[in-house]
Amino acid sequence: MSKAGERLLKAAKEARLIAQGSKEPANKYIPADIDVRAIRRKLELTQDDFASRFGFTVNQIREWEQQRARPLGGVRAYLMLIDQAPDRVLILLSELQANHKTAA
């Protein structure tokens, strides 16, 4: 069997174990595109407010929303967290800020 065939069989076996719940996936799915405007509108925030609350620049938000650029890698994962649990993200950010002030 070719190496590609072996990899496909290995992947199929791993997929079966994941579906059965006996193995965790090696990688988490992060989509290539994130609709930043939809996330921001769902939170009923202006571009300025969204940027300042979550640590972005307003220029980043504008570029992403006008599709002149797109969030990369970990930023997409962060945006997914904001979309799913904005209040928890804000709590964590304020705790980190408080810890940083205390340590300084």
PDB file of N, CA and C in Angstrom:
ATOM      1  N   MET A   1       0.851  -1.180   0.000  1.00  0.00           N
ATOM      2  CA  MET A   1       0.000   0.000   0.000  1.00  0.00           C
ATOM      3  C   MET A   1       0.892   1.237   0.000  1.00  0.00           C
ATOM      4  N   SER A   2       0.435   2.293  -0.674  1.00  0.00           N
ATOM      5  CA  SER A   2       1.223   3.530  -0.741  1.00  0.00           C
ATOM      6  C   SER A   2       1.174   4.254   0.605  1.00  0.00           C
ATOM      7  N   LYS A   3       2.112   5.186   0.779  1.00  0.00           N
ATOM      8  CA  LYS A   3       2.143   5.975   2.024  1.00  0.00           C
ATOM      9  C   LYS A   3       0.876   6.810   2.163  1.00  0.00           C
ATOM     10  N   ALA A   4       0.383   7.333   1.030  1.00  0.00           N
ATOM     11  CA  ALA A   4      -0.860   8.119   1.071  1.00  0.00           C
ATOM     12  C   ALA A   4      -2.021   7.246   1.524  1.00  0.00           C
ATOM     13  N   GLY A   5      -2.086   6.022   1.025  1.00  0.00           N
ATOM     14  CA  GLY A   5      -3.141   5.092   1.432  1.00  0.00           C
ATOM     15  C   GLY A   5      -3.055   4.759   2.912  1.00  0.00           C
ATOM     16  N   GLU A   6      -1.834   4.561   3.405  1.00  0.00           N
ATOM     17  CA  GLU A   6      -1.641   4.281   4.828  1.00  0.00           C
ATOM     18  C   GLU A   6      -2.107   5.460   5.683  1.00  0.00           C
ATOM     19  N   ARG A   7      -1.782   6.677   5.234  1.00  0.00           N
ATOM     20  CA  ARG A   7      -2.211   7.876   5.989  1.00  0.00           C
ATOM     21  C   ARG A   7      -3.731   7.994   6.001  1.00  0.00           C
ATOM     22  N   LEU A   8      -4.362   7.685   4.875  1.00  0.00           N
ATOM     23  CA  LEU A   8      -5.822   7.751   4.817  1.00  0.00           C
ATOM     24  C   LEU A   8      -6.461   6.726   5.755  1.00  0.00           C
ATOM     25  N   LEU A   9      -5.929   5.522   5.783  1.00  0.00           N
ATOM     26  CA  LEU A   9      -6.464   4.498   6.695  1.00  0.00           C
ATOM     27  C   LEU A   9      -6.267   4.913   8.153  1.00  0.00           C
ATOM     28  N   LYS A  10      -5.096   5.439   8.451  1.00  0.00           N
ATOM     29  CA  LYS A  10      -4.819   5.905   9.818  1.00  0.00           C
ATOM     30  C   LYS A  10      -5.788   7.026  10.199  1.00  0.00           C
ATOM     31  N   ALA A  11      -6.024   7.957   9.264  1.00  0.00           N
ATOM     32  CA  ALA A  11      -6.949   9.062   9.530  1.00  0.00           C
ATOM     33  C   ALA A  11      -8.372   8.551   9.741  1.00  0.00           C
ATOM     34  N   ALA A  12      -8.776   7.567   8.946  1.00  0.00           N
ATOM     35  CA  ALA A  12     -10.124   7.005   9.089  1.00  0.00           C
ATOM     36  C   ALA A  12     -10.284   6.318  10.440  1.00  0.00           C
ATOM     37  N   LYS A  13      -9.254   5.577  10.868  1.00  0.00           N
ATOM     38  CA  LYS A  13      -9.311   4.911  12.175  1.00  0.00           C
ATOM     39  C   LYS A  13      -9.382   5.941  13.298  1.00  0.00           C
ATOM     40  N   GLU A  14      -8.588   7.015  13.163  1.00  0.00           N
ATOM     41  CA  GLU A  14      -8.605   8.070  14.180  1.00  0.00           C
ATOM     42  C   GLU A  14      -9.973   8.749  14.216  1.00  0.00           C
ATOM     43  N   ALA A  15     -10.555   9.011  13.051  1.00  0.00           N
ATOM     44  CA  ALA A  15     -11.876   9.642  12.989  1.00  0.00           C
ATOM     45  C   ALA A  15     -12.925   8.772  13.684  1.00  0.00           C
ATOM     46  N   ARG A  16     -12.829   7.452  13.483  1.00  0.00           N
ATOM     47  CA  ARG A  16     -13.768   6.541  14.138  1.00  0.00           C
ATOM     48  C   ARG A  16     -13.630   6.610  15.661  1.00  0.00           C
ATOM     49  N   LEU A  17     -12.386   6.618  16.153  1.00  0.00           N
ATOM     50  CA  LEU A  17     -12.162   6.707  17.600  1.00  0.00           C
ATOM     51  C   LEU A  17     -12.688   8.022  18.170  1.00  0.00           C
ATOM     52  N   ILE A  18     -12.492   9.112  17.437  1.00  0.00           N
ATOM     53  CA  ILE A  18     -12.995  10.421  17.881  1.00  0.00           C
ATOM     54  C   ILE A  18     -14.516  10.400  17.923  1.00  0.00           C
ATOM     55  N   ALA A  19     -15.144   9.845  16.874  1.00  0.00           N
ATOM     56  CA  ALA A  19     -16.610   9.770  16.821  1.00  0.00           C
ATOM     57  C   ALA A  19     -17.169   8.902  17.943  1.00  0.00           C
ATOM     58  N   GLN A  20     -16.430   7.871  18.330  1.00  0.00           N
ATOM     59  CA  GLN A  20     -16.858   6.993  19.421  1.00  0.00           C
ATOM     60  C   GLN A  20     -16.617   7.624  20.786  1.00  0.00           C
ATOM     61  N   GLY A  21     -15.838   8.689  20.812  1.00  0.00           N
ATOM     62  CA  GLY A  21     -15.551   9.373  22.068  1.00  0.00           C
ATOM     63  C   GLY A  21     -14.386   8.791  22.839  1.00  0.00           C
ATOM     64  N   SER A  22     -13.635   7.895  22.233  1.00  0.00           N
ATOM     65  CA  SER A  22     -12.508   7.293  22.939  1.00  0.00           C
ATOM     66  C   SER A  22     -11.181   7.994  22.650  1.00  0.00           C
ATOM     67  N   LYS A  23     -11.226   9.034  21.831  1.00  0.00           N
ATOM     68  CA  LYS A  23     -10.018   9.803  21.554  1.00  0.00           C
ATOM     69  C   LYS A  23     -10.404  11.253  21.299  1.00  0.00           C
ATOM     70  N   GLU A  24      -9.568  12.177  21.786  1.00  0.00           N
ATOM     71  CA  GLU A  24      -9.771  13.606  21.520  1.00  0.00           C
ATOM     72  C   GLU A  24      -9.132  13.959  20.187  1.00  0.00           C
ATOM     73  N   PRO A  25      -9.732  14.876  19.430  1.00  0.00           N
ATOM     74  CA  PRO A  25      -9.097  15.285  18.177  1.00  0.00           C
ATOM     75  C   PRO A  25      -7.773  15.981  18.455  1.00  0.00           C
ATOM     76  N   ALA A  26      -6.808  15.782  17.559  1.00  0.00           N
ATOM     77  CA  ALA A  26      -5.484  16.386  17.726  1.00  0.00           C
ATOM     78  C   ALA A  26      -5.544  17.891  17.524  1.00  0.00           C
ATOM     79  N   ASN A  27      -6.376  18.334  16.624  1.00  0.00           N
ATOM     80  CA  ASN A  27      -6.479  19.759  16.326  1.00  0.00           C
ATOM     81  C   ASN A  27      -7.920  20.210  16.470  1.00  0.00           C
ATOM     82  N   LYS A  28      -8.081  21.420  16.935  1.00  0.00           N
ATOM     83  CA  LYS A  28      -9.412  22.004  17.023  1.00  0.00           C
ATOM     84  C   LYS A  28      -9.697  22.749  15.727  1.00  0.00           C
ATOM     85  N   TYR A  29     -10.931  22.739  15.307  1.00  0.00           N
ATOM     86  CA  TYR A  29     -11.310  23.395  14.058  1.00  0.00           C
ATOM     87  C   TYR A  29     -11.423  24.900  14.268  1.00  0.00           C
ATOM     88  N   ILE A  30     -10.704  25.629  13.458  1.00  0.00           N
ATOM     89  CA  ILE A  30     -10.812  27.086  13.428  1.00  0.00           C
ATOM     90  C   ILE A  30     -11.084  27.456  11.975  1.00  0.00           C
ATOM     91  N   PRO A  31     -12.238  28.042  11.697  1.00  0.00           N
ATOM     92  CA  PRO A  31     -12.582  28.330  10.301  1.00  0.00           C
ATOM     93  C   PRO A  31     -11.639  29.340   9.667  1.00  0.00           C
ATOM     94  N   ALA A  32     -11.519  29.274   8.351  1.00  0.00           N
ATOM     95  CA  ALA A  32     -10.640  30.186   7.621  1.00  0.00           C
ATOM     96  C   ALA A  32     -11.191  31.604   7.635  1.00  0.00           C
ATOM     97  N   ASP A  33     -12.508  31.740   7.659  1.00  0.00           N
ATOM     98  CA  ASP A  33     -13.126  33.064   7.645  1.00  0.00           C
ATOM     99  C   ASP A  33     -14.019  33.237   8.858  1.00  0.00           C
ATOM    100  N   ILE A  34     -13.945  34.417   9.425  1.00  0.00           N
ATOM    101  CA  ILE A  34     -14.771  34.788  10.575  1.00  0.00           C
ATOM    102  C   ILE A  34     -15.517  36.059  10.187  1.00  0.00           C
ATOM    103  N   ASP A  35     -16.809  36.088  10.432  1.00  0.00           N
ATOM    104  CA  ASP A  35     -17.606  37.285  10.127  1.00  0.00           C
ATOM    105  C   ASP A  35     -17.556  38.228  11.326  1.00  0.00           C
ATOM    106  N   VAL A  36     -16.551  39.097  11.308  1.00  0.00           N
ATOM    107  CA  VAL A  36     -16.332  40.013  12.430  1.00  0.00           C
ATOM    108  C   VAL A  36     -17.515  40.964  12.583  1.00  0.00           C
ATOM    109  N   ARG A  37     -18.052  41.442  11.483  1.00  0.00           N
ATOM    110  CA  ARG A  37     -19.192  42.360  11.549  1.00  0.00           C
ATOM    111  C   ARG A  37     -20.381  41.693  12.247  1.00  0.00           C
ATOM    112  N   ALA A  38     -20.642  40.436  11.935  1.00  0.00           N
ATOM    113  CA  ALA A  38     -21.769  39.723  12.562  1.00  0.00           C
ATOM    114  C   ALA A  38     -21.544  39.576  14.065  1.00  0.00           C
ATOM    115  N   ILE A  39     -20.323  39.271  14.464  1.00  0.00           N
ATOM    116  CA  ILE A  39     -20.019  39.148  15.897  1.00  0.00           C
ATOM    117  C   ILE A  39     -20.230  40.483  16.587  1.00  0.00           C
ATOM    118  N   ARG A  40     -19.695  41.536  15.991  1.00  0.00           N
ATOM    119  CA  ARG A  40     -19.801  42.875  16.585  1.00  0.00           C
ATOM    120  C   ARG A  40     -21.261  43.316  16.666  1.00  0.00           C
ATOM    121  N   ARG A  41     -22.012  43.090  15.609  1.00  0.00           N
ATOM    122  CA  ARG A  41     -23.429  43.493  15.605  1.00  0.00           C
ATOM    123  C   ARG A  41     -24.247  42.687  16.604  1.00  0.00           C
ATOM    124  N   LYS A  42     -23.915  41.399  16.745  1.00  0.00           N
ATOM    125  CA  LYS A  42     -24.611  40.562  17.727  1.00  0.00           C
ATOM    126  C   LYS A  42     -24.438  41.137  19.135  1.00  0.00           C
ATOM    127  N   LEU A  43     -23.261  41.722  19.393  1.00  0.00           N
ATOM    128  CA  LEU A  43     -22.976  42.329  20.695  1.00  0.00           C
ATOM    129  C   LEU A  43     -23.472  43.769  20.786  1.00  0.00           C
ATOM    130  N   GLU A  44     -24.016  44.264  19.680  1.00  0.00           N
ATOM    131  CA  GLU A  44     -24.543  45.630  19.602  1.00  0.00           C
ATOM    132  C   GLU A  44     -23.485  46.668  19.980  1.00  0.00           C
ATOM    133  N   LEU A  45     -22.289  46.508  19.395  1.00  0.00           N
ATOM    134  CA  LEU A  45     -21.185  47.427  19.666  1.00  0.00           C
ATOM    135  C   LEU A  45     -20.783  48.147  18.384  1.00  0.00           C
ATOM    136  N   THR A  46     -20.332  49.378  18.546  1.00  0.00           N
ATOM    137  CA  THR A  46     -19.751  50.096  17.418  1.00  0.00           C
ATOM    138  C   THR A  46     -18.374  49.500  17.143  1.00  0.00           C
ATOM    139  N   GLN A  47     -17.817  49.845  16.007  1.00  0.00           N
ATOM    140  CA  GLN A  47     -16.462  49.374  15.699  1.00  0.00           C
ATOM    141  C   GLN A  47     -15.476  49.847  16.767  1.00  0.00           C
ATOM    142  N   ASP A  48     -15.602  51.096  17.181  1.00  0.00           N
ATOM    143  CA  ASP A  48     -14.699  51.646  18.209  1.00  0.00           C
ATOM    144  C   ASP A  48     -14.844  50.892  19.532  1.00  0.00           C
ATOM    145  N   ASP A  49     -16.085  50.664  19.959  1.00  0.00           N
ATOM    146  CA  ASP A  49     -16.318  49.973  21.232  1.00  0.00           C
ATOM    147  C   ASP A  49     -15.823  48.528  21.186  1.00  0.00           C
ATOM    148  N   PHE A  50     -16.097  47.839  20.084  1.00  0.00           N
ATOM    149  CA  PHE A  50     -15.648  46.454  19.943  1.00  0.00           C
ATOM    150  C   PHE A  50     -14.120  46.387  20.007  1.00  0.00           C
ATOM    151  N   ALA A  51     -13.480  47.287  19.270  1.00  0.00           N
ATOM    152  CA  ALA A  51     -12.013  47.311  19.244  1.00  0.00           C
ATOM    153  C   ALA A  51     -11.440  47.570  20.628  1.00  0.00           C
ATOM    154  N   SER A  52     -11.956  48.570  21.320  1.00  0.00           N
ATOM    155  CA  SER A  52     -11.371  48.926  22.618  1.00  0.00           C
ATOM    156  C   SER A  52     -11.658  47.869  23.687  1.00  0.00           C
ATOM    157  N   ARG A  53     -12.827  47.255  23.669  1.00  0.00           N
ATOM    158  CA  ARG A  53     -13.151  46.251  24.692  1.00  0.00           C
ATOM    159  C   ARG A  53     -12.339  44.980  24.554  1.00  0.00           C
ATOM    160  N   PHE A  54     -12.039  44.604  23.314  1.00  0.00           N
ATOM    161  CA  PHE A  54     -11.395  43.310  23.105  1.00  0.00           C
ATOM    162  C   PHE A  54      -9.941  43.410  22.650  1.00  0.00           C
ATOM    163  N   GLY A  55      -9.376  44.618  22.639  1.00  0.00           N
ATOM    164  CA  GLY A  55      -7.949  44.764  22.393  1.00  0.00           C
ATOM    165  C   GLY A  55      -7.526  44.827  20.937  1.00  0.00           C
ATOM    166  N   PHE A  56      -8.426  45.242  20.071  1.00  0.00           N
ATOM    167  CA  PHE A  56      -8.086  45.414  18.662  1.00  0.00           C
ATOM    168  C   PHE A  56      -7.931  46.896  18.366  1.00  0.00           C
ATOM    169  N   THR A  57      -7.449  47.202  17.184  1.00  0.00           N
ATOM    170  CA  THR A  57      -7.503  48.587  16.730  1.00  0.00           C
ATOM    171  C   THR A  57      -8.746  48.737  15.860  1.00  0.00           C
ATOM    172  N   VAL A  58      -9.274  49.926  15.804  1.00  0.00           N
ATOM    173  CA  VAL A  58     -10.453  50.145  14.972  1.00  0.00           C
ATOM    174  C   VAL A  58     -10.101  49.913  13.504  1.00  0.00           C
ATOM    175  N   ASN A  59      -8.846  50.179  13.140  1.00  0.00           N
ATOM    176  CA  ASN A  59      -8.431  49.920  11.752  1.00  0.00           C
ATOM    177  C   ASN A  59      -8.490  48.433  11.425  1.00  0.00           C
ATOM    178  N   GLN A  60      -8.109  47.579  12.373  1.00  0.00           N
ATOM    179  CA  GLN A  60      -8.222  46.131  12.147  1.00  0.00           C
ATOM    180  C   GLN A  60      -9.673  45.748  11.901  1.00  0.00           C
ATOM    181  N   ILE A  61     -10.558  46.253  12.736  1.00  0.00           N
ATOM    182  CA  ILE A  61     -11.986  45.923  12.601  1.00  0.00           C
ATOM    183  C   ILE A  61     -12.487  46.359  11.235  1.00  0.00           C
ATOM    184  N   ARG A  62     -12.152  47.577  10.828  1.00  0.00           N
ATOM    185  CA  ARG A  62     -12.600  48.079   9.520  1.00  0.00           C
ATOM    186  C   ARG A  62     -12.062  47.219   8.380  1.00  0.00           C
ATOM    187  N   GLU A  63     -10.786  46.883   8.433  1.00  0.00           N
ATOM    188  CA  GLU A  63     -10.176  46.065   7.382  1.00  0.00           C
ATOM    189  C   GLU A  63     -10.863  44.702   7.291  1.00  0.00           C
ATOM    190  N   TRP A  64     -11.128  44.088   8.438  1.00  0.00           N
ATOM    191  CA  TRP A  64     -11.772  42.778   8.442  1.00  0.00           C
ATOM    192  C   TRP A  64     -13.204  42.866   7.937  1.00  0.00           C
ATOM    193  N   GLU A  65     -13.922  43.871   8.386  1.00  0.00           N
ATOM    194  CA  GLU A  65     -15.329  43.983   8.000  1.00  0.00           C
ATOM    195  C   GLU A  65     -15.485  44.338   6.529  1.00  0.00           C
ATOM    196  N   GLN A  66     -14.535  45.085   5.978  1.00  0.00           N
ATOM    197  CA  GLN A  66     -14.607  45.450   4.564  1.00  0.00           C
ATOM    198  C   GLN A  66     -13.879  44.428   3.691  1.00  0.00           C
ATOM    199  N   GLN A  67     -13.426  43.356   4.318  1.00  0.00           N
ATOM    200  CA  GLN A  67     -12.779  42.227   3.662  1.00  0.00           C
ATOM    201  C   GLN A  67     -11.548  42.624   2.847  1.00  0.00           C
ATOM    202  N   ARG A  68     -10.837  43.632   3.343  1.00  0.00           N
ATOM    203  CA  ARG A  68      -9.548  43.992   2.744  1.00  0.00           C
ATOM    204  C   ARG A  68      -8.433  43.190   3.400  1.00  0.00           C
ATOM    205  N   ALA A  69      -8.752  42.625   4.545  1.00  0.00           N
ATOM    206  CA  ALA A  69      -7.829  41.747   5.273  1.00  0.00           C
ATOM    207  C   ALA A  69      -8.691  40.770   6.045  1.00  0.00           C
ATOM    208  N   ARG A  70      -8.053  39.738   6.585  1.00  0.00           N
ATOM    209  CA  ARG A  70      -8.808  38.798   7.421  1.00  0.00           C
ATOM    210  C   ARG A  70      -7.970  38.447   8.642  1.00  0.00           C
ATOM    211  N   PRO A  71      -8.646  38.171   9.743  1.00  0.00           N
ATOM    212  CA  PRO A  71      -7.921  37.785  10.956  1.00  0.00           C
ATOM    213  C   PRO A  71      -7.159  36.484  10.718  1.00  0.00           C
ATOM    214  N   LEU A  72      -5.970  36.415  11.264  1.00  0.00           N
ATOM    215  CA  LEU A  72      -5.122  35.243  11.070  1.00  0.00           C
ATOM    216  C   LEU A  72      -5.071  34.386  12.326  1.00  0.00           C
ATOM    217  N   GLY A  73      -4.791  33.107  12.146  1.00  0.00           N
ATOM    218  CA  GLY A  73      -4.493  32.144  13.193  1.00  0.00           C
ATOM    219  C   GLY A  73      -5.224  32.309  14.510  1.00  0.00           C
ATOM    220  N   GLY A  74      -4.447  32.622  15.536  1.00  0.00           N
ATOM    221  CA  GLY A  74      -4.979  32.722  16.888  1.00  0.00           C
ATOM    222  C   GLY A  74      -6.018  33.815  17.051  1.00  0.00           C
ATOM    223  N   VAL A  75      -5.958  34.839  16.205  1.00  0.00           N
ATOM    224  CA  VAL A  75      -6.950  35.915  16.285  1.00  0.00           C
ATOM    225  C   VAL A  75      -8.326  35.366  15.925  1.00  0.00           C
ATOM    226  N   ARG A  76      -8.384  34.457  14.955  1.00  0.00           N
ATOM    227  CA  ARG A  76      -9.678  33.835  14.606  1.00  0.00           C
ATOM    228  C   ARG A  76     -10.206  33.029  15.789  1.00  0.00           C
ATOM    229  N   ALA A  77      -9.320  32.311  16.468  1.00  0.00           N
ATOM    230  CA  ALA A  77      -9.747  31.547  17.646  1.00  0.00           C
ATOM    231  C   ALA A  77     -10.261  32.497  18.728  1.00  0.00           C
ATOM    232  N   TYR A  78      -9.565  33.610  18.938  1.00  0.00           N
ATOM    233  CA  TYR A  78      -9.990  34.612  19.922  1.00  0.00           C
ATOM    234  C   TYR A  78     -11.361  35.173  19.544  1.00  0.00           C
ATOM    235  N   LEU A  79     -11.566  35.463  18.268  1.00  0.00           N
ATOM    236  CA  LEU A  79     -12.863  35.972  17.821  1.00  0.00           C
ATOM    237  C   LEU A  79     -13.967  34.933  18.024  1.00  0.00           C
ATOM    238  N   MET A  80     -13.646  33.647  17.860  1.00  0.00           N
ATOM    239  CA  MET A  80     -14.631  32.599  18.133  1.00  0.00           C
ATOM    240  C   MET A  80     -15.021  32.597  19.610  1.00  0.00           C
ATOM    241  N   LEU A  81     -14.038  32.802  20.485  1.00  0.00           N
ATOM    242  CA  LEU A  81     -14.337  32.881  21.924  1.00  0.00           C
ATOM    243  C   LEU A  81     -15.220  34.087  22.219  1.00  0.00           C
ATOM    244  N   ILE A  82     -14.896  35.214  21.616  1.00  0.00           N
ATOM    245  CA  ILE A  82     -15.709  36.420  21.809  1.00  0.00           C
ATOM    246  C   ILE A  82     -17.138  36.155  21.347  1.00  0.00           C
ATOM    247  N   ASP A  83     -17.277  35.498  20.223  1.00  0.00           N
ATOM    248  CA  ASP A  83     -18.607  35.211  19.676  1.00  0.00           C
ATOM    249  C   ASP A  83     -19.413  34.303  20.610  1.00  0.00           C
ATOM    250  N   GLN A  84     -18.773  33.289  21.182  1.00  0.00           N
ATOM    251  CA  GLN A  84     -19.473  32.307  22.008  1.00  0.00           C
ATOM    252  C   GLN A  84     -19.657  32.733  23.462  1.00  0.00           C
ATOM    253  N   ALA A  85     -18.699  33.504  24.004  1.00  0.00           N
ATOM    254  CA  ALA A  85     -18.752  33.848  25.434  1.00  0.00           C
ATOM    255  C   ALA A  85     -18.149  35.227  25.688  1.00  0.00           C
ATOM    256  N   PRO A  86     -18.756  36.275  25.138  1.00  0.00           N
ATOM    257  CA  PRO A  86     -18.165  37.612  25.270  1.00  0.00           C
ATOM    258  C   PRO A  86     -18.016  38.068  26.719  1.00  0.00           C
ATOM    259  N   ASP A  87     -18.985  37.754  27.562  1.00  0.00           N
ATOM    260  CA  ASP A  87     -18.907  38.189  28.960  1.00  0.00           C
ATOM    261  C   ASP A  87     -17.730  37.532  29.680  1.00  0.00           C
ATOM    262  N   ARG A  88     -17.520  36.263  29.429  1.00  0.00           N
ATOM    263  CA  ARG A  88     -16.395  35.561  30.069  1.00  0.00           C
ATOM    264  C   ARG A  88     -15.059  36.104  29.573  1.00  0.00           C
ATOM    265  N   VAL A  89     -14.986  36.421  28.282  1.00  0.00           N
ATOM    266  CA  VAL A  89     -13.752  36.994  27.739  1.00  0.00           C
ATOM    267  C   VAL A  89     -13.468  38.339  28.413  1.00  0.00           C
ATOM    268  N   LEU A  90     -14.492  39.167  28.564  1.00  0.00           N
ATOM    269  CA  LEU A  90     -14.304  40.470  29.214  1.00  0.00           C
ATOM    270  C   LEU A  90     -13.878  40.316  30.671  1.00  0.00           C
ATOM    271  N   ILE A  91     -14.451  39.341  31.366  1.00  0.00           N
ATOM    272  CA  ILE A  91     -14.055  39.089  32.760  1.00  0.00           C
ATOM    273  C   ILE A  91     -12.582  38.682  32.817  1.00  0.00           C
ATOM    274  N   LEU A  92     -12.180  37.768  31.954  1.00  0.00           N
ATOM    275  CA  LEU A  92     -10.777  37.340  31.928  1.00  0.00           C
ATOM    276  C   LEU A  92      -9.845  38.505  31.620  1.00  0.00           C
ATOM    277  N   LEU A  93     -10.228  39.334  30.661  1.00  0.00           N
ATOM    278  CA  LEU A  93      -9.389  40.482  30.311  1.00  0.00           C
ATOM    279  C   LEU A  93      -9.248  41.444  31.481  1.00  0.00           C
ATOM    280  N   SER A  94     -10.354  41.692  32.212  1.00  0.00           N
ATOM    281  CA  SER A  94     -10.242  42.602  33.360  1.00  0.00           C
ATOM    282  C   SER A  94      -9.432  41.985  34.487  1.00  0.00           C
ATOM    283  N   GLU A  95      -9.549  40.672  34.681  1.00  0.00           N
ATOM    284  CA  GLU A  95      -8.723  40.012  35.701  1.00  0.00           C
ATOM    285  C   GLU A  95      -7.242  40.085  35.333  1.00  0.00           C
ATOM    286  N   LEU A  96      -6.934  39.868  34.076  1.00  0.00           N
ATOM    287  CA  LEU A  96      -5.543  39.966  33.637  1.00  0.00           C
ATOM    288  C   LEU A  96      -5.004  41.379  33.823  1.00  0.00           C
ATOM    289  N   GLN A  97      -5.828  42.360  33.514  1.00  0.00           N
ATOM    290  CA  GLN A  97      -5.412  43.749  33.689  1.00  0.00           C
ATOM    291  C   GLN A  97      -5.181  44.054  35.158  1.00  0.00           C
ATOM    292  N   ALA A  98      -6.057  43.583  36.030  1.00  0.00           N
ATOM    293  CA  ALA A  98      -5.905  43.810  37.465  1.00  0.00           C
ATOM    294  C   ALA A  98      -4.646  43.123  37.990  1.00  0.00           C
ATOM    295  N   ASN A  99      -4.395  41.890  37.543  1.00  0.00           N
ATOM    296  CA  ASN A  99      -3.194  41.163  37.956  1.00  0.00           C
ATOM    297  C   ASN A  99      -1.930  41.867  37.483  1.00  0.00           C
ATOM    298  N   HIS A 100      -1.998  42.413  36.292  1.00  0.00           N
ATOM    299  CA  HIS A 100      -0.832  43.117  35.719  1.00  0.00           C
ATOM    300  C   HIS A 100      -0.541  44.379  36.528  1.00  0.00           C
ATOM    301  N   LYS A 101      -1.581  45.111  36.917  1.00  0.00           N
ATOM    302  CA  LYS A 101      -1.383  46.330  37.725  1.00  0.00           C
ATOM    303  C   LYS A 101      -0.821  45.984  39.098  1.00  0.00           C
ATOM    304  N   THR A 102      -1.307  44.872  39.683  1.00  0.00           N
ATOM    305  CA  THR A 102      -0.838  44.455  40.996  1.00  0.00           C
ATOM    306  C   THR A 102       0.637  44.053  40.941  1.00  0.00           C
ATOM    307  N   ALA A 103       1.037  43.383  39.868  1.00  0.00           N
ATOM    308  CA  ALA A 103       2.413  42.910  39.738  1.00  0.00           C
ATOM    309  C   ALA A 103       3.383  44.050  39.454  1.00  0.00           C
ATOM    310  N   ALA A 104       2.904  45.135  38.899  1.00  0.00           N
ATOM    311  CA  ALA A 104       3.793  46.246  38.519  1.00  0.00           C
ATOM    312  C   ALA A 104       4.153  47.125  39.650  1.00  0.00           C
TER     313      ALA A 104
END
